[in-house]
Amino acid sequence: MIKTVKEYNAIIERIEVLLQDADNIENKDAKGYIELNLLSDLVADYEERTYPVKKPSLVEVIKLRMAEMGLNQKRLSELLGVSTSRVSEYLTGKSEPPLKVARDISVKLGIDASIVLGV
């Protein structure tokens, strides 16, 4: 287990050296291949602990989906059957959509229900 930034940096340097030899990447019997995989796993574990990726908020996901679908607030309000002021409240985080609207957001925008429900 990597415990410090110094250890992390040293292992990253070693990985870079190991990556210079294609045999370490392609040949499963090579000593460097095994070392590279072990060190890569250590780095991945350290990065997950130290730099966790947080789940996106519903607001962030709705805005992204709006951009992907070319929707503005007016068009989104029509799609969801709510007023534009209500959509504005959802997008600013001032209010959360009721269950029926949350379901429509999930289905009509293709957003996973766990994100919509904040699970």
N, C-alpha and C. Protein backbone atom coordinates (compact mmCIF):
# COMPACT_ATOMS: atom_id res chain seq x y z
N MET A 1 0.84 -1.17 0.00
CA MET A 1 0.00 0.00 0.00
C MET A 1 0.89 1.24 0.00
N ILE A 2 0.56 2.19 -0.87
CA ILE A 2 1.29 3.45 -0.93
C ILE A 2 0.73 4.37 0.16
N LYS A 3 1.62 4.96 0.94
CA LYS A 3 1.17 5.79 2.06
C LYS A 3 1.50 7.26 1.91
N THR A 4 2.50 7.59 1.11
CA THR A 4 2.90 8.99 1.00
C THR A 4 3.01 9.42 -0.46
N VAL A 5 3.02 10.72 -0.67
CA VAL A 5 3.20 11.27 -2.02
C VAL A 5 4.59 10.92 -2.55
N LYS A 6 5.56 10.89 -1.66
CA LYS A 6 6.92 10.53 -2.05
C LYS A 6 6.96 9.11 -2.61
N GLU A 7 6.32 8.16 -1.92
CA GLU A 7 6.25 6.78 -2.40
C GLU A 7 5.51 6.73 -3.74
N TYR A 8 4.42 7.45 -3.82
CA TYR A 8 3.63 7.50 -5.05
C TYR A 8 4.48 7.98 -6.22
N ASN A 9 5.19 9.08 -6.03
CA ASN A 9 6.03 9.62 -7.10
C ASN A 9 7.14 8.67 -7.50
N ALA A 10 7.74 7.99 -6.54
CA ALA A 10 8.80 7.02 -6.84
C ALA A 10 8.25 5.86 -7.67
N ILE A 11 7.07 5.41 -7.34
CA ILE A 11 6.47 4.30 -8.08
C ILE A 11 6.07 4.75 -9.49
N ILE A 12 5.56 5.97 -9.61
CA ILE A 12 5.23 6.49 -10.94
C ILE A 12 6.48 6.54 -11.82
N GLU A 13 7.60 6.98 -11.23
CA GLU A 13 8.86 7.01 -11.99
C GLU A 13 9.26 5.61 -12.44
N ARG A 14 9.11 4.62 -11.56
CA ARG A 14 9.46 3.24 -11.90
C ARG A 14 8.54 2.72 -13.01
N ILE A 15 7.27 3.04 -12.92
CA ILE A 15 6.33 2.61 -13.96
C ILE A 15 6.73 3.20 -15.31
N GLU A 16 7.14 4.45 -15.32
CA GLU A 16 7.55 5.08 -16.57
C GLU A 16 8.77 4.37 -17.16
N VAL A 17 9.69 3.95 -16.32
CA VAL A 17 10.85 3.19 -16.80
C VAL A 17 10.40 1.85 -17.38
N LEU A 18 9.53 1.17 -16.67
CA LEU A 18 9.05 -0.14 -17.14
C LEU A 18 8.29 -0.02 -18.46
N LEU A 19 7.60 1.08 -18.67
CA LEU A 19 6.83 1.26 -19.89
C LEU A 19 7.72 1.49 -21.11
N GLN A 20 8.98 1.79 -20.91
CA GLN A 20 9.90 2.01 -22.02
C GLN A 20 10.16 0.71 -22.80
N ASP A 21 10.01 -0.42 -22.13
CA ASP A 21 10.26 -1.72 -22.75
C ASP A 21 8.92 -2.37 -23.12
N ALA A 22 8.67 -2.49 -24.41
CA ALA A 22 7.40 -3.07 -24.87
C ALA A 22 7.18 -4.48 -24.35
N ASP A 23 8.24 -5.19 -24.08
CA ASP A 23 8.14 -6.56 -23.55
C ASP A 23 7.41 -6.56 -22.20
N ASN A 24 7.61 -5.51 -21.43
CA ASN A 24 6.95 -5.40 -20.12
C ASN A 24 5.44 -5.19 -20.25
N ILE A 25 5.02 -4.77 -21.42
CA ILE A 25 3.60 -4.51 -21.65
C ILE A 25 2.92 -5.72 -22.30
N GLU A 26 3.65 -6.40 -23.18
CA GLU A 26 3.04 -7.44 -24.00
C GLU A 26 3.33 -8.87 -23.56
N ASN A 27 4.47 -9.11 -22.93
CA ASN A 27 4.88 -10.48 -22.61
C ASN A 27 4.53 -10.80 -21.15
N LYS A 28 3.50 -11.60 -20.97
CA LYS A 28 3.03 -11.93 -19.62
C LYS A 28 4.06 -12.71 -18.80
N ASP A 29 5.03 -13.29 -19.44
CA ASP A 29 6.06 -14.05 -18.73
C ASP A 29 7.25 -13.18 -18.32
N ALA A 30 7.30 -11.96 -18.81
CA ALA A 30 8.42 -11.08 -18.49
C ALA A 30 8.33 -10.61 -17.04
N LYS A 31 9.48 -10.54 -16.38
CA LYS A 31 9.54 -10.07 -14.99
C LYS A 31 8.99 -8.64 -14.88
N GLY A 32 9.33 -7.82 -15.87
CA GLY A 32 8.86 -6.43 -15.87
C GLY A 32 7.35 -6.33 -16.01
N TYR A 33 6.75 -7.29 -16.72
CA TYR A 33 5.29 -7.30 -16.90
C TYR A 33 4.60 -7.46 -15.55
N ILE A 34 5.08 -8.38 -14.77
CA ILE A 34 4.51 -8.64 -13.45
C ILE A 34 4.69 -7.42 -12.54
N GLU A 35 5.91 -6.89 -12.54
CA GLU A 35 6.20 -5.71 -11.71
C GLU A 35 5.32 -4.53 -12.14
N LEU A 36 5.18 -4.32 -13.43
CA LEU A 36 4.37 -3.22 -13.95
C LEU A 36 2.92 -3.35 -13.50
N ASN A 37 2.39 -4.55 -13.57
CA ASN A 37 1.00 -4.76 -13.16
C ASN A 37 0.81 -4.56 -11.66
N LEU A 38 1.74 -5.05 -10.87
CA LEU A 38 1.64 -4.87 -9.42
C LEU A 38 1.73 -3.39 -9.03
N LEU A 39 2.69 -2.69 -9.63
CA LEU A 39 2.84 -1.27 -9.32
C LEU A 39 1.64 -0.46 -9.81
N SER A 40 1.12 -0.83 -10.96
CA SER A 40 -0.06 -0.14 -11.50
C SER A 40 -1.26 -0.31 -10.57
N ASP A 41 -1.43 -1.50 -10.02
CA ASP A 41 -2.52 -1.74 -9.08
C ASP A 41 -2.34 -0.90 -7.81
N LEU A 42 -1.11 -0.80 -7.33
CA LEU A 42 -0.83 0.02 -6.14
C LEU A 42 -1.17 1.48 -6.41
N VAL A 43 -0.78 1.98 -7.57
CA VAL A 43 -1.06 3.36 -7.93
C VAL A 43 -2.56 3.59 -8.05
N ALA A 44 -3.25 2.67 -8.68
CA ALA A 44 -4.70 2.80 -8.84
C ALA A 44 -5.40 2.86 -7.48
N ASP A 45 -5.00 1.99 -6.56
CA ASP A 45 -5.59 1.99 -5.21
C ASP A 45 -5.32 3.31 -4.51
N TYR A 46 -4.09 3.79 -4.59
CA TYR A 46 -3.71 5.05 -3.94
C TYR A 46 -4.53 6.21 -4.52
N GLU A 47 -4.64 6.26 -5.85
CA GLU A 47 -5.38 7.35 -6.49
C GLU A 47 -6.86 7.32 -6.13
N GLU A 48 -7.43 6.13 -6.03
CA GLU A 48 -8.84 6.02 -5.65
C GLU A 48 -9.08 6.53 -4.22
N ARG A 49 -8.11 6.24 -3.33
CA ARG A 49 -8.23 6.70 -1.94
C ARG A 49 -7.95 8.19 -1.82
N THR A 50 -6.96 8.66 -2.53
CA THR A 50 -6.49 10.03 -2.38
C THR A 50 -7.26 11.03 -3.22
N TYR A 51 -7.66 10.63 -4.39
CA TYR A 51 -8.35 11.53 -5.32
C TYR A 51 -9.67 10.89 -5.78
N PRO A 52 -10.59 10.67 -4.85
CA PRO A 52 -11.83 10.01 -5.25
C PRO A 52 -12.64 10.87 -6.21
N VAL A 53 -13.30 10.21 -7.13
CA VAL A 53 -14.16 10.89 -8.08
C VAL A 53 -15.56 10.92 -7.49
N LYS A 54 -16.05 12.12 -7.25
CA LYS A 54 -17.38 12.21 -6.66
C LYS A 54 -18.45 12.06 -7.73
N LYS A 55 -19.59 11.59 -7.31
CA LYS A 55 -20.70 11.45 -8.23
C LYS A 55 -21.17 12.84 -8.65
N PRO A 56 -21.55 12.98 -9.92
CA PRO A 56 -22.05 14.28 -10.36
C PRO A 56 -23.40 14.57 -9.73
N SER A 57 -23.68 15.84 -9.55
CA SER A 57 -24.98 16.23 -9.00
C SER A 57 -26.03 16.14 -10.11
N LEU A 58 -27.28 16.09 -9.70
CA LEU A 58 -28.37 16.04 -10.67
C LEU A 58 -28.33 17.27 -11.56
N VAL A 59 -28.06 18.42 -10.99
CA VAL A 59 -28.00 19.66 -11.76
C VAL A 59 -26.93 19.56 -12.85
N GLU A 60 -25.75 19.06 -12.49
CA GLU A 60 -24.66 18.92 -13.46
C GLU A 60 -25.05 17.97 -14.59
N VAL A 61 -25.70 16.88 -14.24
CA VAL A 61 -26.07 15.88 -15.24
C VAL A 61 -27.17 16.42 -16.15
N ILE A 62 -28.15 17.12 -15.58
CA ILE A 62 -29.22 17.70 -16.41
C ILE A 62 -28.63 18.72 -17.39
N LYS A 63 -27.74 19.58 -16.90
CA LYS A 63 -27.14 20.59 -17.79
C LYS A 63 -26.33 19.94 -18.90
N LEU A 64 -25.60 18.89 -18.57
CA LEU A 64 -24.84 18.17 -19.59
C LEU A 64 -25.77 17.55 -20.62
N ARG A 65 -26.83 16.90 -20.14
CA ARG A 65 -27.77 16.26 -21.07
C ARG A 65 -28.48 17.30 -21.92
N MET A 66 -28.81 18.46 -21.34
CA MET A 66 -29.42 19.54 -22.12
C MET A 66 -28.50 19.95 -23.26
N ALA A 67 -27.21 20.11 -22.95
CA ALA A 67 -26.24 20.49 -23.99
C ALA A 67 -26.15 19.42 -25.07
N GLU A 68 -26.10 18.16 -24.65
CA GLU A 68 -26.00 17.05 -25.60
C GLU A 68 -27.22 16.98 -26.51
N MET A 69 -28.39 17.30 -25.94
CA MET A 69 -29.63 17.19 -26.69
C MET A 69 -30.03 18.51 -27.36
N GLY A 70 -29.25 19.56 -27.14
CA GLY A 70 -29.56 20.86 -27.73
C GLY A 70 -30.81 21.50 -27.15
N LEU A 71 -31.06 21.25 -25.86
CA LEU A 71 -32.25 21.79 -25.21
C LEU A 71 -31.92 23.08 -24.45
N ASN A 72 -32.85 24.02 -24.50
CA ASN A 72 -32.75 25.18 -23.61
C ASN A 72 -33.79 24.98 -22.50
N GLN A 73 -33.85 25.91 -21.55
CA GLN A 73 -34.77 25.74 -20.41
C GLN A 73 -36.22 25.69 -20.87
N LYS A 74 -36.57 26.49 -21.86
CA LYS A 74 -37.96 26.50 -22.35
C LYS A 74 -38.33 25.15 -22.92
N ARG A 75 -37.46 24.61 -23.77
CA ARG A 75 -37.74 23.31 -24.39
C ARG A 75 -37.76 22.19 -23.34
N LEU A 76 -36.86 22.28 -22.36
CA LEU A 76 -36.86 21.28 -21.29
C LEU A 76 -38.15 21.34 -20.49
N SER A 77 -38.64 22.57 -20.23
CA SER A 77 -39.89 22.70 -19.47
C SER A 77 -41.05 22.08 -20.23
N GLU A 78 -41.06 22.25 -21.55
CA GLU A 78 -42.11 21.64 -22.38
C GLU A 78 -42.00 20.12 -22.35
N LEU A 79 -40.78 19.62 -22.43
CA LEU A 79 -40.55 18.18 -22.43
C LEU A 79 -41.01 17.54 -21.11
N LEU A 80 -40.77 18.26 -19.99
CA LEU A 80 -41.12 17.72 -18.68
C LEU A 80 -42.53 18.10 -18.23
N GLY A 81 -43.15 19.01 -18.93
CA GLY A 81 -44.51 19.44 -18.58
C GLY A 81 -44.55 20.29 -17.31
N VAL A 82 -43.52 21.10 -17.11
CA VAL A 82 -43.47 22.02 -15.97
C VAL A 82 -43.12 23.41 -16.48
N SER A 83 -43.31 24.42 -15.64
CA SER A 83 -43.02 25.79 -16.06
C SER A 83 -41.51 26.03 -16.19
N THR A 84 -41.15 27.05 -16.95
CA THR A 84 -39.74 27.39 -17.09
C THR A 84 -39.16 27.87 -15.78
N SER A 85 -39.97 28.51 -14.95
CA SER A 85 -39.47 28.95 -13.65
C SER A 85 -39.17 27.75 -12.75
N ARG A 86 -39.96 26.69 -12.88
CA ARG A 86 -39.71 25.48 -12.10
C ARG A 86 -38.42 24.82 -12.57
N VAL A 87 -38.21 24.75 -13.88
CA VAL A 87 -36.96 24.20 -14.42
C VAL A 87 -35.79 25.01 -13.91
N SER A 88 -35.93 26.33 -13.89
CA SER A 88 -34.88 27.20 -13.38
C SER A 88 -34.55 26.87 -11.93
N GLU A 89 -35.56 26.60 -11.13
CA GLU A 89 -35.35 26.22 -9.73
C GLU A 89 -34.59 24.90 -9.62
N TYR A 90 -34.91 23.96 -10.50
CA TYR A 90 -34.19 22.67 -10.49
C TYR A 90 -32.72 22.89 -10.86
N LEU A 91 -32.49 23.74 -11.88
CA LEU A 91 -31.14 23.94 -12.39
C LEU A 91 -30.26 24.78 -11.47
N THR A 92 -30.87 25.55 -10.60
CA THR A 92 -30.08 26.32 -9.64
C THR A 92 -29.97 25.61 -8.30
N GLY A 93 -30.69 24.50 -8.16
CA GLY A 93 -30.64 23.75 -6.91
C GLY A 93 -31.55 24.32 -5.83
N LYS A 94 -32.41 25.27 -6.20
CA LYS A 94 -33.32 25.87 -5.21
C LYS A 94 -34.43 24.90 -4.81
N SER A 95 -34.77 24.00 -5.71
CA SER A 95 -35.76 22.98 -5.35
C SER A 95 -35.44 21.69 -6.10
N GLU A 96 -35.96 20.60 -5.58
CA GLU A 96 -35.79 19.30 -6.20
C GLU A 96 -37.08 18.89 -6.88
N PRO A 97 -36.97 18.18 -7.96
CA PRO A 97 -38.19 17.77 -8.66
C PRO A 97 -38.97 16.73 -7.85
N PRO A 98 -40.32 16.83 -7.90
CA PRO A 98 -41.13 15.79 -7.25
C PRO A 98 -40.94 14.47 -8.00
N LEU A 99 -41.39 13.40 -7.40
CA LEU A 99 -41.16 12.06 -7.92
C LEU A 99 -41.60 11.89 -9.38
N LYS A 100 -42.76 12.41 -9.74
CA LYS A 100 -43.23 12.27 -11.13
C LYS A 100 -42.28 12.97 -12.10
N VAL A 101 -41.86 14.17 -11.77
CA VAL A 101 -40.93 14.90 -12.64
C VAL A 101 -39.57 14.21 -12.65
N ALA A 102 -39.15 13.70 -11.50
CA ALA A 102 -37.87 12.98 -11.42
C ALA A 102 -37.91 11.78 -12.36
N ARG A 103 -39.02 11.09 -12.37
CA ARG A 103 -39.17 9.94 -13.28
C ARG A 103 -39.09 10.38 -14.72
N ASP A 104 -39.77 11.48 -15.05
CA ASP A 104 -39.71 12.01 -16.42
C ASP A 104 -38.29 12.42 -16.80
N ILE A 105 -37.57 13.03 -15.86
CA ILE A 105 -36.19 13.42 -16.13
C ILE A 105 -35.37 12.18 -16.46
N SER A 106 -35.57 11.14 -15.67
CA SER A 106 -34.83 9.89 -15.89
C SER A 106 -35.15 9.29 -17.25
N VAL A 107 -36.43 9.19 -17.56
CA VAL A 107 -36.87 8.53 -18.79
C VAL A 107 -36.61 9.40 -20.02
N LYS A 108 -37.04 10.65 -19.97
CA LYS A 108 -36.98 11.49 -21.17
C LYS A 108 -35.58 12.03 -21.46
N LEU A 109 -34.76 12.16 -20.43
CA LEU A 109 -33.40 12.64 -20.66
C LEU A 109 -32.38 11.50 -20.64
N GLY A 110 -32.84 10.31 -20.29
CA GLY A 110 -31.95 9.15 -20.26
C GLY A 110 -30.91 9.23 -19.16
N ILE A 111 -31.32 9.76 -18.00
CA ILE A 111 -30.42 9.89 -16.86
C ILE A 111 -30.73 8.76 -15.88
N ASP A 112 -29.70 8.07 -15.44
CA ASP A 112 -29.87 6.95 -14.52
C ASP A 112 -30.69 7.37 -13.29
N ALA A 113 -31.63 6.55 -12.90
CA ALA A 113 -32.52 6.85 -11.78
C ALA A 113 -31.76 7.08 -10.48
N SER A 114 -30.65 6.39 -10.30
CA SER A 114 -29.88 6.58 -9.05
C SER A 114 -29.33 7.99 -8.94
N ILE A 115 -28.99 8.61 -10.06
CA ILE A 115 -28.53 10.00 -10.04
C ILE A 115 -29.70 10.93 -9.77
N VAL A 116 -30.81 10.69 -10.43
CA VAL A 116 -31.99 11.54 -10.26
C VAL A 116 -32.49 11.49 -8.82
N LEU A 117 -32.46 10.31 -8.22
CA LEU A 117 -32.96 10.15 -6.86
C LEU A 117 -31.88 10.41 -5.81
N GLY A 118 -30.66 10.63 -6.26
CA GLY A 118 -29.57 10.93 -5.33
C GLY A 118 -29.15 9.75 -4.47
N VAL A 119 -29.27 8.55 -5.02
CA VAL A 119 -28.93 7.34 -4.28
C VAL A 119 -27.47 7.00 -4.48
